[in-house]
Amino acid sequence: IEAPKPKSPMSAAIFLHEVGHHVLGIGAYKPRCLEEHHAWMYALEQMRVWNIEITERVRTRVQRSMKYAVGKAKRRGIQKIPHALLGYVQS
């Protein structure tokens, strides 16, 4: 896992997101943008479990990351955006 050592809510979120990919199983969710969503949801849930503050900065990072992932999928020609990701679609 390549991730920062958790020292702040942001670095903890990124670390837990990367751990989430392995816990959930890399490639277990298709398309890739859905895997990113589940990895972020895992990270946020673990932050709640461990009482790590989910700051506005962390929320913004998740939103930007997901908008990028969905946008990338669209640029690559995805035919159908999963329902859970429709909130990240940009015009």
C-alpha atoms as a PDB file:
ATOM      1  CA  ILE A   1       0.000   0.000   0.000  1.00  0.00           C
ATOM      2  CA  GLU A   2       1.333   3.381  -0.976  1.00  0.00           C
ATOM      3  CA  ALA A   3      -0.230   5.952   1.335  1.00  0.00           C
ATOM      4  CA  PRO A   4       0.816   8.609   3.829  1.00  0.00           C
ATOM      5  CA  LYS A   5       1.361   7.749   7.476  1.00  0.00           C
ATOM      6  CA  PRO A   6      -1.869   8.845   9.205  1.00  0.00           C
ATOM      7  CA  LYS A   7      -1.087  12.024  11.149  1.00  0.00           C
ATOM      8  CA  SER A   8      -4.194  14.105  10.415  1.00  0.00           C
ATOM      9  CA  PRO A   9      -7.772  13.492   9.350  1.00  0.00           C
ATOM     10  CA  MET A  10      -6.765  13.967   5.694  1.00  0.00           C
ATOM     11  CA  SER A  11      -3.831  11.588   5.758  1.00  0.00           C
ATOM     12  CA  ALA A  12      -5.934   9.071   7.720  1.00  0.00           C
ATOM     13  CA  ALA A  13      -8.677   9.293   5.080  1.00  0.00           C
ATOM     14  CA  ILE A  14      -6.215   8.686   2.250  1.00  0.00           C
ATOM     15  CA  PHE A  15      -4.536   5.841   4.132  1.00  0.00           C
ATOM     16  CA  LEU A  16      -7.884   4.191   4.926  1.00  0.00           C
ATOM     17  CA  HIS A  17      -9.046   4.667   1.326  1.00  0.00           C
ATOM     18  CA  GLU A  18      -6.003   2.744   0.095  1.00  0.00           C
ATOM     19  CA  VAL A  19      -6.532   0.053   2.745  1.00  0.00           C
ATOM     20  CA  GLY A  20     -10.154  -0.118   1.610  1.00  0.00           C
ATOM     21  CA  HIS A  21      -9.102  -1.143  -1.886  1.00  0.00           C
ATOM     22  CA  HIS A  22      -7.382  -4.200  -0.390  1.00  0.00           C
ATOM     23  CA  VAL A  23     -10.071  -5.013   2.161  1.00  0.00           C
ATOM     24  CA  LEU A  24     -12.792  -4.878  -0.496  1.00  0.00           C
ATOM     25  CA  GLY A  25     -10.660  -6.680  -3.052  1.00  0.00           C
ATOM     26  CA  ILE A  26      -8.911  -4.885  -5.874  1.00  0.00           C
ATOM     27  CA  GLY A  27     -11.048  -5.283  -8.962  1.00  0.00           C
ATOM     28  CA  ALA A  28     -14.042  -6.570  -6.980  1.00  0.00           C
ATOM     29  CA  TYR A  29     -16.227  -3.695  -8.207  1.00  0.00           C
ATOM     30  CA  LYS A  30     -16.675  -2.720 -11.804  1.00  0.00           C
ATOM     31  CA  PRO A  31     -16.413  -0.114 -13.187  1.00  0.00           C
ATOM     32  CA  ARG A  32     -13.303   1.295 -11.526  1.00  0.00           C
ATOM     33  CA  CYS A  33     -15.127   4.469 -10.442  1.00  0.00           C
ATOM     34  CA  LEU A  34     -17.488   2.286  -8.369  1.00  0.00           C
ATOM     35  CA  GLU A  35     -14.486   0.681  -6.682  1.00  0.00           C
ATOM     36  CA  GLU A  36     -13.216   4.172  -5.834  1.00  0.00           C
ATOM     37  CA  HIS A  37     -16.604   4.995  -4.301  1.00  0.00           C
ATOM     38  CA  HIS A  38     -16.592   1.883  -2.130  1.00  0.00           C
ATOM     39  CA  ALA A  39     -12.998   2.513  -1.025  1.00  0.00           C
ATOM     40  CA  TRP A  40     -13.942   6.043   0.064  1.00  0.00           C
ATOM     41  CA  MET A  41     -17.052   4.798   1.872  1.00  0.00           C
ATOM     42  CA  TYR A  42     -14.876   2.235   3.682  1.00  0.00           C
ATOM     43  CA  ALA A  43     -12.459   4.995   4.687  1.00  0.00           C
ATOM     44  CA  LEU A  44     -15.214   7.252   6.038  1.00  0.00           C
ATOM     45  CA  GLU A  45     -16.826   4.379   7.952  1.00  0.00           C
ATOM     46  CA  GLN A  46     -13.496   3.458   9.548  1.00  0.00           C
ATOM     47  CA  MET A  47     -12.937   7.080  10.486  1.00  0.00           C
ATOM     48  CA  ARG A  48     -16.295   6.995  12.303  1.00  0.00           C
ATOM     49  CA  VAL A  49     -15.402   3.715  14.030  1.00  0.00           C
ATOM     50  CA  TRP A  50     -12.052   5.111  15.200  1.00  0.00           C
ATOM     51  CA  ASN A  51     -13.519   8.522  16.116  1.00  0.00           C
ATOM     52  CA  ILE A  52     -11.343  10.346  13.610  1.00  0.00           C
ATOM     53  CA  GLU A  53     -12.937  13.643  12.676  1.00  0.00           C
ATOM     54  CA  ILE A  54     -14.285  13.781   9.136  1.00  0.00           C
ATOM     55  CA  THR A  55     -13.393  17.354   8.358  1.00  0.00           C
ATOM     56  CA  GLU A  56     -14.778  19.539   5.585  1.00  0.00           C
ATOM     57  CA  ARG A  57     -11.396  19.182   3.891  1.00  0.00           C
ATOM     58  CA  VAL A  58     -11.809  15.381   3.875  1.00  0.00           C
ATOM     59  CA  ARG A  59     -15.364  15.666   2.514  1.00  0.00           C
ATOM     60  CA  THR A  60     -14.110  17.968  -0.251  1.00  0.00           C
ATOM     61  CA  ARG A  61     -11.327  15.507  -1.117  1.00  0.00           C
ATOM     62  CA  VAL A  62     -13.836  12.660  -1.434  1.00  0.00           C
ATOM     63  CA  GLN A  63     -16.140  14.764  -3.634  1.00  0.00           C
ATOM     64  CA  ARG A  64     -13.318  15.924  -5.913  1.00  0.00           C
ATOM     65  CA  SER A  65     -11.842  12.444  -6.154  1.00  0.00           C
ATOM     66  CA  MET A  66     -15.182  10.930  -7.099  1.00  0.00           C
ATOM     67  CA  LYS A  67     -16.013  13.644  -9.625  1.00  0.00           C
ATOM     68  CA  TYR A  68     -12.626  13.012 -11.218  1.00  0.00           C
ATOM     69  CA  ALA A  69     -13.158   9.220 -11.249  1.00  0.00           C
ATOM     70  CA  VAL A  70     -16.607   9.500 -12.826  1.00  0.00           C
ATOM     71  CA  GLY A  71     -15.366  12.101 -15.312  1.00  0.00           C
ATOM     72  CA  LYS A  72     -12.508   9.813 -16.295  1.00  0.00           C
ATOM     73  CA  ALA A  73     -14.951   6.951 -16.820  1.00  0.00           C
ATOM     74  CA  LYS A  74     -17.082   9.202 -19.027  1.00  0.00           C
ATOM     75  CA  ARG A  75     -14.042  10.287 -21.055  1.00  0.00           C
ATOM     76  CA  ARG A  76     -13.210   6.619 -21.570  1.00  0.00           C
ATOM     77  CA  GLY A  77     -16.709   5.945 -22.854  1.00  0.00           C
ATOM     78  CA  ILE A  78     -18.572   4.339 -19.959  1.00  0.00           C
ATOM     79  CA  GLN A  79     -22.037   3.371 -21.170  1.00  0.00           C
ATOM     80  CA  LYS A  80     -23.895   3.462 -17.854  1.00  0.00           C
ATOM     81  CA  ILE A  81     -22.954   5.305 -14.675  1.00  0.00           C
ATOM     82  CA  PRO A  82     -23.838   3.229 -11.585  1.00  0.00           C
ATOM     83  CA  HIS A  83     -26.767   4.689  -9.648  1.00  0.00           C
ATOM     84  CA  ALA A  84     -24.633   5.300  -6.525  1.00  0.00           C
ATOM     85  CA  LEU A  85     -22.397   7.609  -8.579  1.00  0.00           C
ATOM     86  CA  LEU A  86     -24.977   9.796 -10.314  1.00  0.00           C
ATOM     87  CA  GLY A  87     -24.374  12.600  -7.805  1.00  0.00           C
ATOM     88  CA  TYR A  88     -20.814  12.922  -9.078  1.00  0.00           C
ATOM     89  CA  VAL A  89     -21.711  13.383 -12.761  1.00  0.00           C
ATOM     90  CA  GLN A  90     -20.778  16.822 -14.053  1.00  0.00           C
ATOM     91  CA  SER A  91     -22.388  18.360 -17.113  1.00  0.00           C
END
